[in-house]
Amino acid sequence: MKYKVLALAALATIIYSCASKSAVVTAEPPKVEPPVATAATVLTPELAEGKSLYENSCARCHRLYEPKEFSAEQWKPIVLRMAPKARLNEAQGMKVYNYVTMQ
């Protein structure tokens, strides 16, 4: 009995390994879009300092929002409210505001 089971298992393995591989469906590789060329934004020293202040002061407590997520009118109360919490003086807060609204 054991001989018949082993012979049947061996026969099944041989048949499976010799089966046609053409039935295997292969998917096409995903199409990759070419990268979009963007113009590099040149920051003035004041805007670069605003960016640095924004990234280093604001990121200590929460995630950084993209400057384009809010309009200039929406950024104004945000910066006014958050600058004291980030221990930024008025001039530093203005640099952050100028940076996030430059877009």
PDB file of N, CA and C in Angstrom:
ATOM      1  N   MET A   1       0.818  -1.191   0.000  1.00  0.00           N
ATOM      2  CA  MET A   1       0.000   0.000   0.000  1.00  0.00           C
ATOM      3  C   MET A   1       0.866   1.262   0.000  1.00  0.00           C
ATOM      4  N   LYS A   2       1.907   1.252   0.876  1.00  0.00           N
ATOM      5  CA  LYS A   2       2.799   2.402   0.936  1.00  0.00           C
ATOM      6  C   LYS A   2       3.495   2.612  -0.407  1.00  0.00           C
ATOM      7  N   TYR A   3       3.814   1.489  -1.086  1.00  0.00           N
ATOM      8  CA  TYR A   3       4.478   1.572  -2.371  1.00  0.00           C
ATOM      9  C   TYR A   3       3.592   2.264  -3.400  1.00  0.00           C
ATOM     10  N   LYS A   4       2.309   1.970  -3.388  1.00  0.00           N
ATOM     11  CA  LYS A   4       1.386   2.582  -4.346  1.00  0.00           C
ATOM     12  C   LYS A   4       1.241   4.086  -4.086  1.00  0.00           C
ATOM     13  N   VAL A   5       1.182   4.505  -2.824  1.00  0.00           N
ATOM     14  CA  VAL A   5       1.046   5.917  -2.480  1.00  0.00           C
ATOM     15  C   VAL A   5       2.305   6.673  -2.888  1.00  0.00           C
ATOM     16  N   LEU A   6       3.480   6.116  -2.625  1.00  0.00           N
ATOM     17  CA  LEU A   6       4.728   6.755  -3.013  1.00  0.00           C
ATOM     18  C   LEU A   6       4.866   6.832  -4.531  1.00  0.00           C
ATOM     19  N   ALA A   7       4.471   5.787  -5.233  1.00  0.00           N
ATOM     20  CA  ALA A   7       4.548   5.785  -6.691  1.00  0.00           C
ATOM     21  C   ALA A   7       3.589   6.826  -7.270  1.00  0.00           C
ATOM     22  N   LEU A   8       2.396   6.943  -6.707  1.00  0.00           N
ATOM     23  CA  LEU A   8       1.425   7.920  -7.160  1.00  0.00           C
ATOM     24  C   LEU A   8       1.930   9.337  -6.907  1.00  0.00           C
ATOM     25  N   ALA A   9       2.548   9.597  -5.747  1.00  0.00           N
ATOM     26  CA  ALA A   9       3.099  10.914  -5.435  1.00  0.00           C
ATOM     27  C   ALA A   9       4.239  11.253  -6.387  1.00  0.00           C
ATOM     28  N   ALA A  10       5.111  10.303  -6.673  1.00  0.00           N
ATOM     29  CA  ALA A  10       6.217  10.530  -7.595  1.00  0.00           C
ATOM     30  C   ALA A  10       5.694  10.810  -9.002  1.00  0.00           C
ATOM     31  N   LEU A  11       4.688  10.079  -9.440  1.00  0.00           N
ATOM     32  CA  LEU A  11       4.098  10.275 -10.757  1.00  0.00           C
ATOM     33  C   LEU A  11       3.444  11.659 -10.857  1.00  0.00           C
ATOM     34  N   ALA A  12       2.766  12.075  -9.814  1.00  0.00           N
ATOM     35  CA  ALA A  12       2.128  13.393  -9.805  1.00  0.00           C
ATOM     36  C   ALA A  12       3.188  14.497  -9.877  1.00  0.00           C
ATOM     37  N   THR A  13       4.297  14.306  -9.160  1.00  0.00           N
ATOM     38  CA  THR A  13       5.372  15.293  -9.184  1.00  0.00           C
ATOM     39  C   THR A  13       5.991  15.386 -10.572  1.00  0.00           C
ATOM     40  N   ILE A  14       6.197  14.273 -11.215  1.00  0.00           N
ATOM     41  CA  ILE A  14       6.780  14.260 -12.558  1.00  0.00           C
ATOM     42  C   ILE A  14       5.837  14.921 -13.560  1.00  0.00           C
ATOM     43  N   ILE A  15       4.558  14.611 -13.476  1.00  0.00           N
ATOM     44  CA  ILE A  15       3.582  15.201 -14.397  1.00  0.00           C
ATOM     45  C   ILE A  15       3.498  16.708 -14.182  1.00  0.00           C
ATOM     46  N   TYR A  16       3.495  17.124 -12.932  1.00  0.00           N
ATOM     47  CA  TYR A  16       3.406  18.553 -12.626  1.00  0.00           C
ATOM     48  C   TYR A  16       4.634  19.307 -13.135  1.00  0.00           C
ATOM     49  N   SER A  17       5.826  18.720 -12.941  1.00  0.00           N
ATOM     50  CA  SER A  17       7.041  19.407 -13.360  1.00  0.00           C
ATOM     51  C   SER A  17       7.203  19.426 -14.877  1.00  0.00           C
ATOM     52  N   CYS A  18       6.588  18.498 -15.576  1.00  0.00           N
ATOM     53  CA  CYS A  18       6.683  18.464 -17.030  1.00  0.00           C
ATOM     54  C   CYS A  18       5.537  19.205 -17.714  1.00  0.00           C
ATOM     55  N   ALA A  19       4.625  19.747 -16.951  1.00  0.00           N
ATOM     56  CA  ALA A  19       3.466  20.435 -17.525  1.00  0.00           C
ATOM     57  C   ALA A  19       3.918  21.681 -18.272  1.00  0.00           C
ATOM     58  N   SER A  20       3.108  22.077 -19.220  1.00  0.00           N
ATOM     59  CA  SER A  20       3.401  23.252 -20.032  1.00  0.00           C
ATOM     60  C   SER A  20       3.388  24.506 -19.165  1.00  0.00           C
ATOM     61  N   LYS A  21       4.371  25.353 -19.350  1.00  0.00           N
ATOM     62  CA  LYS A  21       4.471  26.602 -18.587  1.00  0.00           C
ATOM     63  C   LYS A  21       3.759  27.742 -19.303  1.00  0.00           C
ATOM     64  N   SER A  22       3.208  27.499 -20.483  1.00  0.00           N
ATOM     65  CA  SER A  22       2.564  28.563 -21.244  1.00  0.00           C
ATOM     66  C   SER A  22       1.258  29.017 -20.599  1.00  0.00           C
ATOM     67  N   ALA A  23       0.728  28.247 -19.697  1.00  0.00           N
ATOM     68  CA  ALA A  23      -0.518  28.620 -19.031  1.00  0.00           C
ATOM     69  C   ALA A  23      -0.290  29.713 -17.981  1.00  0.00           C
ATOM     70  N   VAL A  24       0.949  29.963 -17.651  1.00  0.00           N
ATOM     71  CA  VAL A  24       1.260  30.975 -16.651  1.00  0.00           C
ATOM     72  C   VAL A  24       1.073  32.353 -17.277  1.00  0.00           C
ATOM     73  N   VAL A  25       0.263  33.174 -16.650  1.00  0.00           N
ATOM     74  CA  VAL A  25      -0.006  34.516 -17.151  1.00  0.00           C
ATOM     75  C   VAL A  25       0.949  35.481 -16.474  1.00  0.00           C
ATOM     76  N   THR A  26       1.634  36.239 -17.304  1.00  0.00           N
ATOM     77  CA  THR A  26       2.536  37.235 -16.739  1.00  0.00           C
ATOM     78  C   THR A  26       1.942  38.612 -16.961  1.00  0.00           C
ATOM     79  N   ALA A  27       2.023  39.435 -15.964  1.00  0.00           N
ATOM     80  CA  ALA A  27       1.496  40.792 -16.066  1.00  0.00           C
ATOM     81  C   ALA A  27       2.546  41.701 -16.686  1.00  0.00           C
ATOM     82  N   GLU A  28       2.048  42.713 -17.402  1.00  0.00           N
ATOM     83  CA  GLU A  28       2.973  43.690 -17.964  1.00  0.00           C
ATOM     84  C   GLU A  28       3.540  44.533 -16.835  1.00  0.00           C
ATOM     85  N   PRO A  29       4.782  44.934 -16.979  1.00  0.00           N
ATOM     86  CA  PRO A  29       5.323  45.805 -15.927  1.00  0.00           C
ATOM     87  C   PRO A  29       4.581  47.138 -15.942  1.00  0.00           C
ATOM     88  N   PRO A  30       4.428  47.748 -14.781  1.00  0.00           N
ATOM     89  CA  PRO A  30       3.711  49.027 -14.744  1.00  0.00           C
ATOM     90  C   PRO A  30       4.450  50.086 -15.545  1.00  0.00           C
ATOM     91  N   LYS A  31       3.683  50.943 -16.181  1.00  0.00           N
ATOM     92  CA  LYS A  31       4.281  52.021 -16.956  1.00  0.00           C
ATOM     93  C   LYS A  31       4.763  53.100 -16.006  1.00  0.00           C
ATOM     94  N   VAL A  32       5.961  53.521 -16.219  1.00  0.00           N
ATOM     95  CA  VAL A  32       6.554  54.546 -15.374  1.00  0.00           C
ATOM     96  C   VAL A  32       6.512  55.865 -16.129  1.00  0.00           C
ATOM     97  N   GLU A  33       5.881  56.840 -15.498  1.00  0.00           N
ATOM     98  CA  GLU A  33       5.811  58.162 -16.108  1.00  0.00           C
ATOM     99  C   GLU A  33       7.165  58.839 -15.991  1.00  0.00           C
ATOM    100  N   PRO A  34       7.599  59.536 -17.022  1.00  0.00           N
ATOM    101  CA  PRO A  34       8.873  60.252 -16.915  1.00  0.00           C
ATOM    102  C   PRO A  34       8.756  61.367 -15.885  1.00  0.00           C
ATOM    103  N   PRO A  35       9.824  61.637 -15.173  1.00  0.00           N
ATOM    104  CA  PRO A  35       9.760  62.693 -14.169  1.00  0.00           C
ATOM    105  C   PRO A  35       9.493  64.038 -14.810  1.00  0.00           C
ATOM    106  N   VAL A  36       8.702  64.822 -14.116  1.00  0.00           N
ATOM    107  CA  VAL A  36       8.358  66.144 -14.608  1.00  0.00           C
ATOM    108  C   VAL A  36       9.448  67.111 -14.178  1.00  0.00           C
ATOM    109  N   ALA A  37       9.971  67.846 -15.135  1.00  0.00           N
ATOM    110  CA  ALA A  37      11.019  68.814 -14.830  1.00  0.00           C
ATOM    111  C   ALA A  37      10.384  70.027 -14.162  1.00  0.00           C
ATOM    112  N   THR A  38      10.886  70.375 -13.005  1.00  0.00           N
ATOM    113  CA  THR A  38      10.386  71.547 -12.311  1.00  0.00           C
ATOM    114  C   THR A  38      11.509  72.556 -12.205  1.00  0.00           C
ATOM    115  N   ALA A  39      11.141  73.788 -12.275  1.00  0.00           N
ATOM    116  CA  ALA A  39      12.138  74.842 -12.155  1.00  0.00           C
ATOM    117  C   ALA A  39      12.570  74.930 -10.693  1.00  0.00           C
ATOM    118  N   ALA A  40      13.841  74.953 -10.482  1.00  0.00           N
ATOM    119  CA  ALA A  40      14.359  75.064  -9.124  1.00  0.00           C
ATOM    120  C   ALA A  40      14.064  76.461  -8.600  1.00  0.00           C
ATOM    121  N   THR A  41      13.527  76.506  -7.389  1.00  0.00           N
ATOM    122  CA  THR A  41      13.212  77.784  -6.780  1.00  0.00           C
ATOM    123  C   THR A  41      14.452  78.294  -6.058  1.00  0.00           C
ATOM    124  N   VAL A  42      14.859  79.473  -6.409  1.00  0.00           N
ATOM    125  CA  VAL A  42      16.014  80.081  -5.766  1.00  0.00           C
ATOM    126  C   VAL A  42      15.498  80.929  -4.615  1.00  0.00           C
ATOM    127  N   LEU A  43      15.983  80.635  -3.435  1.00  0.00           N
ATOM    128  CA  LEU A  43      15.537  81.355  -2.250  1.00  0.00           C
ATOM    129  C   LEU A  43      16.505  82.489  -1.930  1.00  0.00           C
ATOM    130  N   THR A  44      15.938  83.622  -1.612  1.00  0.00           N
ATOM    131  CA  THR A  44      16.762  84.724  -1.131  1.00  0.00           C
ATOM    132  C   THR A  44      17.259  84.344   0.260  1.00  0.00           C
ATOM    133  N   PRO A  45      18.264  85.015   0.782  1.00  0.00           N
ATOM    134  CA  PRO A  45      18.732  84.687   2.132  1.00  0.00           C
ATOM    135  C   PRO A  45      17.622  84.796   3.183  1.00  0.00           C
ATOM    136  N   GLU A  46      16.726  85.780   3.035  1.00  0.00           N
ATOM    137  CA  GLU A  46      15.637  85.917   4.003  1.00  0.00           C
ATOM    138  C   GLU A  46      14.660  84.745   3.911  1.00  0.00           C
ATOM    139  N   LEU A  47      14.327  84.329   2.683  1.00  0.00           N
ATOM    140  CA  LEU A  47      13.430  83.191   2.510  1.00  0.00           C
ATOM    141  C   LEU A  47      14.082  81.890   2.968  1.00  0.00           C
ATOM    142  N   ALA A  48      15.381  81.758   2.732  1.00  0.00           N
ATOM    143  CA  ALA A  48      16.100  80.568   3.194  1.00  0.00           C
ATOM    144  C   ALA A  48      16.092  80.501   4.717  1.00  0.00           C
ATOM    145  N   GLU A  49      16.234  81.654   5.371  1.00  0.00           N
ATOM    146  CA  GLU A  49      16.173  81.668   6.836  1.00  0.00           C
ATOM    147  C   GLU A  49      14.764  81.339   7.310  1.00  0.00           C
ATOM    148  N   GLY A  50      13.749  81.839   6.604  1.00  0.00           N
ATOM    149  CA  GLY A  50      12.367  81.506   6.944  1.00  0.00           C
ATOM    150  C   GLY A  50      12.096  80.028   6.798  1.00  0.00           C
ATOM    151  N   LYS A  51      12.627  79.435   5.741  1.00  0.00           N
ATOM    152  CA  LYS A  51      12.473  77.993   5.534  1.00  0.00           C
ATOM    153  C   LYS A  51      13.144  77.222   6.659  1.00  0.00           C
ATOM    154  N   SER A  52      14.349  77.630   7.016  1.00  0.00           N
ATOM    155  CA  SER A  52      15.075  76.967   8.096  1.00  0.00           C
ATOM    156  C   SER A  52      14.319  77.085   9.417  1.00  0.00           C
ATOM    157  N   LEU A  53      13.821  78.268   9.703  1.00  0.00           N
ATOM    158  CA  LEU A  53      13.042  78.463  10.933  1.00  0.00           C
ATOM    159  C   LEU A  53      11.792  77.587  10.911  1.00  0.00           C
ATOM    160  N   TYR A  54      11.111  77.553   9.788  1.00  0.00           N
ATOM    161  CA  TYR A  54       9.891  76.755   9.659  1.00  0.00           C
ATOM    162  C   TYR A  54      10.189  75.274   9.886  1.00  0.00           C
ATOM    163  N   GLU A  55      11.217  74.778   9.224  1.00  0.00           N
ATOM    164  CA  GLU A  55      11.539  73.354   9.324  1.00  0.00           C
ATOM    165  C   GLU A  55      12.064  72.974  10.702  1.00  0.00           C
ATOM    166  N   ASN A  56      12.865  73.834  11.308  1.00  0.00           N
ATOM    167  CA  ASN A  56      13.478  73.476  12.591  1.00  0.00           C
ATOM    168  C   ASN A  56      12.602  73.805  13.794  1.00  0.00           C
ATOM    169  N   SER A  57      11.837  74.886  13.733  1.00  0.00           N
ATOM    170  CA  SER A  57      11.036  75.273  14.888  1.00  0.00           C
ATOM    171  C   SER A  57       9.682  74.594  14.892  1.00  0.00           C
ATOM    172  N   CYS A  58       9.025  74.549  13.756  1.00  0.00           N
ATOM    173  CA  CYS A  58       7.663  74.027  13.703  1.00  0.00           C
ATOM    174  C   CYS A  58       7.621  72.502  13.759  1.00  0.00           C
ATOM    175  N   ALA A  59       8.623  71.858  13.191  1.00  0.00           N
ATOM    176  CA  ALA A  59       8.628  70.396  13.137  1.00  0.00           C
ATOM    177  C   ALA A  59       8.907  69.761  14.496  1.00  0.00           C
ATOM    178  N   ARG A  60       9.303  70.545  15.468  1.00  0.00           N
ATOM    179  CA  ARG A  60       9.541  69.973  16.792  1.00  0.00           C
ATOM    180  C   ARG A  60       8.254  69.462  17.418  1.00  0.00           C
ATOM    181  N   CYS A  61       7.120  70.088  17.063  1.00  0.00           N
ATOM    182  CA  CYS A  61       5.858  69.741  17.719  1.00  0.00           C
ATOM    183  C   CYS A  61       4.857  69.023  16.814  1.00  0.00           C
ATOM    184  N   HIS A  62       4.927  69.226  15.527  1.00  0.00           N
ATOM    185  CA  HIS A  62       3.943  68.617  14.627  1.00  0.00           C
ATOM    186  C   HIS A  62       4.537  68.479  13.235  1.00  0.00           C
ATOM    187  N   ARG A  63       3.775  67.812  12.373  1.00  0.00           N
ATOM    188  CA  ARG A  63       4.238  67.632  10.989  1.00  0.00           C
ATOM    189  C   ARG A  63       4.218  68.978  10.279  1.00  0.00           C
ATOM    190  N   LEU A  64       5.073  69.106   9.311  1.00  0.00           N
ATOM    191  CA  LEU A  64       5.133  70.348   8.540  1.00  0.00           C
ATOM    192  C   LEU A  64       4.084  70.303   7.431  1.00  0.00           C
ATOM    193  N   TYR A  65       3.338  71.356   7.331  1.00  0.00           N
ATOM    194  CA  TYR A  65       2.355  71.476   6.265  1.00  0.00           C
ATOM    195  C   TYR A  65       3.040  72.036   5.030  1.00  0.00           C
ATOM    196  N   GLU A  66       2.581  71.602   3.878  1.00  0.00           N
ATOM    197  CA  GLU A  66       3.083  72.170   2.631  1.00  0.00           C
ATOM    198  C   GLU A  66       2.620  73.617   2.563  1.00  0.00           C
ATOM    199  N   PRO A  67       3.479  74.534   2.154  1.00  0.00           N
ATOM    200  CA  PRO A  67       3.054  75.935   2.065  1.00  0.00           C
ATOM    201  C   PRO A  67       1.831  76.142   1.189  1.00  0.00           C
ATOM    202  N   LYS A  68       1.633  75.284   0.194  1.00  0.00           N
ATOM    203  CA  LYS A  68       0.494  75.437  -0.712  1.00  0.00           C
ATOM    204  C   LYS A  68      -0.818  74.936  -0.110  1.00  0.00           C
ATOM    205  N   GLU A  69      -0.754  74.290   1.057  1.00  0.00           N
ATOM    206  CA  GLU A  69      -1.975  73.778   1.674  1.00  0.00           C
ATOM    207  C   GLU A  69      -2.891  74.895   2.152  1.00  0.00           C
ATOM    208  N   PHE A  70      -2.331  76.068   2.420  1.00  0.00           N
ATOM    209  CA  PHE A  70      -3.114  77.191   2.912  1.00  0.00           C
ATOM    210  C   PHE A  70      -2.802  78.425   2.075  1.00  0.00           C
ATOM    211  N   SER A  71      -3.779  79.309   2.004  1.00  0.00           N
ATOM    212  CA  SER A  71      -3.572  80.576   1.296  1.00  0.00           C
ATOM    213  C   SER A  71      -2.840  81.541   2.225  1.00  0.00           C
ATOM    214  N   ALA A  72      -2.409  82.679   1.674  1.00  0.00           N
ATOM    215  CA  ALA A  72      -1.709  83.680   2.483  1.00  0.00           C
ATOM    216  C   ALA A  72      -2.605  84.172   3.614  1.00  0.00           C
ATOM    217  N   GLU A  73      -3.908  84.321   3.334  1.00  0.00           N
ATOM    218  CA  GLU A  73      -4.838  84.769   4.370  1.00  0.00           C
ATOM    219  C   GLU A  73      -4.987  83.733   5.472  1.00  0.00           C
ATOM    220  N   GLN A  74      -4.921  82.455   5.113  1.00  0.00           N
ATOM    221  CA  GLN A  74      -5.027  81.391   6.116  1.00  0.00           C
ATOM    222  C   GLN A  74      -3.742  81.250   6.925  1.00  0.00           C
ATOM    223  N   TRP A  75      -2.597  81.505   6.309  1.00  0.00           N
ATOM    224  CA  TRP A  75      -1.321  81.379   7.010  1.00  0.00           C
ATOM    225  C   TRP A  75      -1.138  82.459   8.071  1.00  0.00           C
ATOM    226  N   LYS A  76      -1.678  83.647   7.826  1.00  0.00           N
ATOM    227  CA  LYS A  76      -1.435  84.768   8.734  1.00  0.00           C
ATOM    228  C   LYS A  76      -1.825  84.446  10.179  1.00  0.00           C
ATOM    229  N   PRO A  77      -3.059  84.015  10.475  1.00  0.00           N
ATOM    230  CA  PRO A  77      -3.387  83.700  11.872  1.00  0.00           C
ATOM    231  C   PRO A  77      -2.648  82.473  12.394  1.00  0.00           C
ATOM    232  N   ILE A  78      -2.327  81.554  11.510  1.00  0.00           N
ATOM    233  CA  ILE A  78      -1.588  80.360  11.945  1.00  0.00           C
ATOM    234  C   ILE A  78      -0.211  80.772  12.455  1.00  0.00           C
ATOM    235  N   VAL A  79       0.488  81.574  11.660  1.00  0.00           N
ATOM    236  CA  VAL A  79       1.835  82.007  12.054  1.00  0.00           C
ATOM    237  C   VAL A  79       1.768  82.885  13.302  1.00  0.00           C
ATOM    238  N   LEU A  80       0.797  83.785  13.353  1.00  0.00           N
ATOM    239  CA  LEU A  80       0.669  84.651  14.540  1.00  0.00           C
ATOM    240  C   LEU A  80       0.416  83.842  15.800  1.00  0.00           C
ATOM    241  N   ARG A  81      -0.385  82.780  15.699  1.00  0.00           N
ATOM    242  CA  ARG A  81      -0.700  81.950  16.859  1.00  0.00           C
ATOM    243  C   ARG A  81       0.463  81.035  17.244  1.00  0.00           C
ATOM    244  N   MET A  82       1.174  80.504  16.244  1.00  0.00           N
ATOM    245  CA  MET A  82       2.191  79.495  16.520  1.00  0.00           C
ATOM    246  C   MET A  82       3.576  80.062  16.809  1.00  0.00           C
ATOM    247  N   ALA A  83       3.870  81.279  16.357  1.00  0.00           N
ATOM    248  CA  ALA A  83       5.213  81.851  16.554  1.00  0.00           C
ATOM    249  C   ALA A  83       5.597  81.916  18.033  1.00  0.00           C
ATOM    250  N   PRO A  84       4.726  82.401  18.922  1.00  0.00           N
ATOM    251  CA  PRO A  84       5.121  82.415  20.339  1.00  0.00           C
ATOM    252  C   PRO A  84       5.343  81.007  20.907  1.00  0.00           C
ATOM    253  N   LYS A  85       4.558  80.044  20.456  1.00  0.00           N
ATOM    254  CA  LYS A  85       4.727  78.667  20.935  1.00  0.00           C
ATOM    255  C   LYS A  85       6.069  78.091  20.496  1.00  0.00           C
ATOM    256  N   ALA A  86       6.532  78.530  19.312  1.00  0.00           N
ATOM    257  CA  ALA A  86       7.813  78.064  18.784  1.00  0.00           C
ATOM    258  C   ALA A  86       8.969  78.941  19.260  1.00  0.00           C
ATOM    259  N   ARG A  87       8.639  79.894  20.117  1.00  0.00           N
ATOM    260  CA  ARG A  87       9.628  80.835  20.666  1.00  0.00           C
ATOM    261  C   ARG A  87      10.317  81.637  19.555  1.00  0.00           C
ATOM    262  N   LEU A  88       9.498  82.099  18.613  1.00  0.00           N
ATOM    263  CA  LEU A  88      10.012  82.947  17.535  1.00  0.00           C
ATOM    264  C   LEU A  88       9.623  84.389  17.837  1.00  0.00           C
ATOM    265  N   ASN A  89      10.557  85.309  17.597  1.00  0.00           N
ATOM    266  CA  ASN A  89      10.200  86.720  17.776  1.00  0.00           C
ATOM    267  C   ASN A  89       9.419  87.189  16.552  1.00  0.00           C
ATOM    268  N   GLU A  90       9.000  88.440  16.569  1.00  0.00           N
ATOM    269  CA  GLU A  90       8.156  88.966  15.493  1.00  0.00           C
ATOM    270  C   GLU A  90       8.870  88.918  14.139  1.00  0.00           C
ATOM    271  N   ALA A  91      10.152  89.263  14.113  1.00  0.00           N
ATOM    272  CA  ALA A  91      10.905  89.256  12.853  1.00  0.00           C
ATOM    273  C   ALA A  91      11.039  87.828  12.317  1.00  0.00           C
ATOM    274  N   GLN A  92      11.299  86.873  13.193  1.00  0.00           N
ATOM    275  CA  GLN A  92      11.408  85.478  12.756  1.00  0.00           C
ATOM    276  C   GLN A  92      10.058  84.962  12.265  1.00  0.00           C
ATOM    277  N   GLY A  93       8.986  85.324  12.955  1.00  0.00           N
ATOM    278  CA  GLY A  93       7.651  84.926  12.514  1.00  0.00           C
ATOM    279  C   GLY A  93       7.338  85.474  11.139  1.00  0.00           C
ATOM    280  N   MET A  94       7.768  86.708  10.885  1.00  0.00           N
ATOM    281  CA  MET A  94       7.541  87.320   9.572  1.00  0.00           C
ATOM    282  C   MET A  94       8.332  86.598   8.488  1.00  0.00           C
ATOM    283  N   LYS A  95       9.531  86.133   8.807  1.00  0.00           N
ATOM    284  CA  LYS A  95      10.331  85.378   7.834  1.00  0.00           C
ATOM    285  C   LYS A  95       9.658  84.044   7.510  1.00  0.00           C
ATOM    286  N   VAL A  96       9.109  83.406   8.532  1.00  0.00           N
ATOM    287  CA  VAL A  96       8.382  82.155   8.298  1.00  0.00           C
ATOM    288  C   VAL A  96       7.163  82.431   7.427  1.00  0.00           C
ATOM    289  N   TYR A  97       6.422  83.488   7.752  1.00  0.00           N
ATOM    290  CA  TYR A  97       5.242  83.854   6.965  1.00  0.00           C
ATOM    291  C   TYR A  97       5.620  84.138   5.509  1.00  0.00           C
ATOM    292  N   ASN A  98       6.681  84.876   5.309  1.00  0.00           N
ATOM    293  CA  ASN A  98       7.128  85.177   3.937  1.00  0.00           C
ATOM    294  C   ASN A  98       7.500  83.897   3.188  1.00  0.00           C
ATOM    295  N   TYR A  99       8.122  82.974   3.886  1.00  0.00           N
ATOM    296  CA  TYR A  99       8.501  81.710   3.240  1.00  0.00           C
ATOM    297  C   TYR A  99       7.281  80.914   2.840  1.00  0.00           C
ATOM    298  N   VAL A 100       6.325  80.725   3.758  1.00  0.00           N
ATOM    299  CA  VAL A 100       5.180  79.855   3.442  1.00  0.00           C
ATOM    300  C   VAL A 100       4.222  80.495   2.444  1.00  0.00           C
ATOM    301  N   THR A 101       4.282  81.805   2.278  1.00  0.00           N
ATOM    302  CA  THR A 101       3.383  82.465   1.331  1.00  0.00           C
ATOM    303  C   THR A 101       4.065  82.863   0.032  1.00  0.00           C
ATOM    304  N   MET A 102       5.306  82.470  -0.166  1.00  0.00           N
ATOM    305  CA  MET A 102       6.046  82.882  -1.380  1.00  0.00           C
ATOM    306  C   MET A 102       5.515  82.173  -2.622  1.00  0.00           C
ATOM    307  N   GLN A 103       4.829  81.084  -2.474  1.00  0.00           N
ATOM    308  CA  GLN A 103       4.365  80.294  -3.625  1.00  0.00           C
ATOM    309  C   GLN A 103       3.280  81.033  -4.354  1.00  0.00           C
TER     310      GLN A 103
END
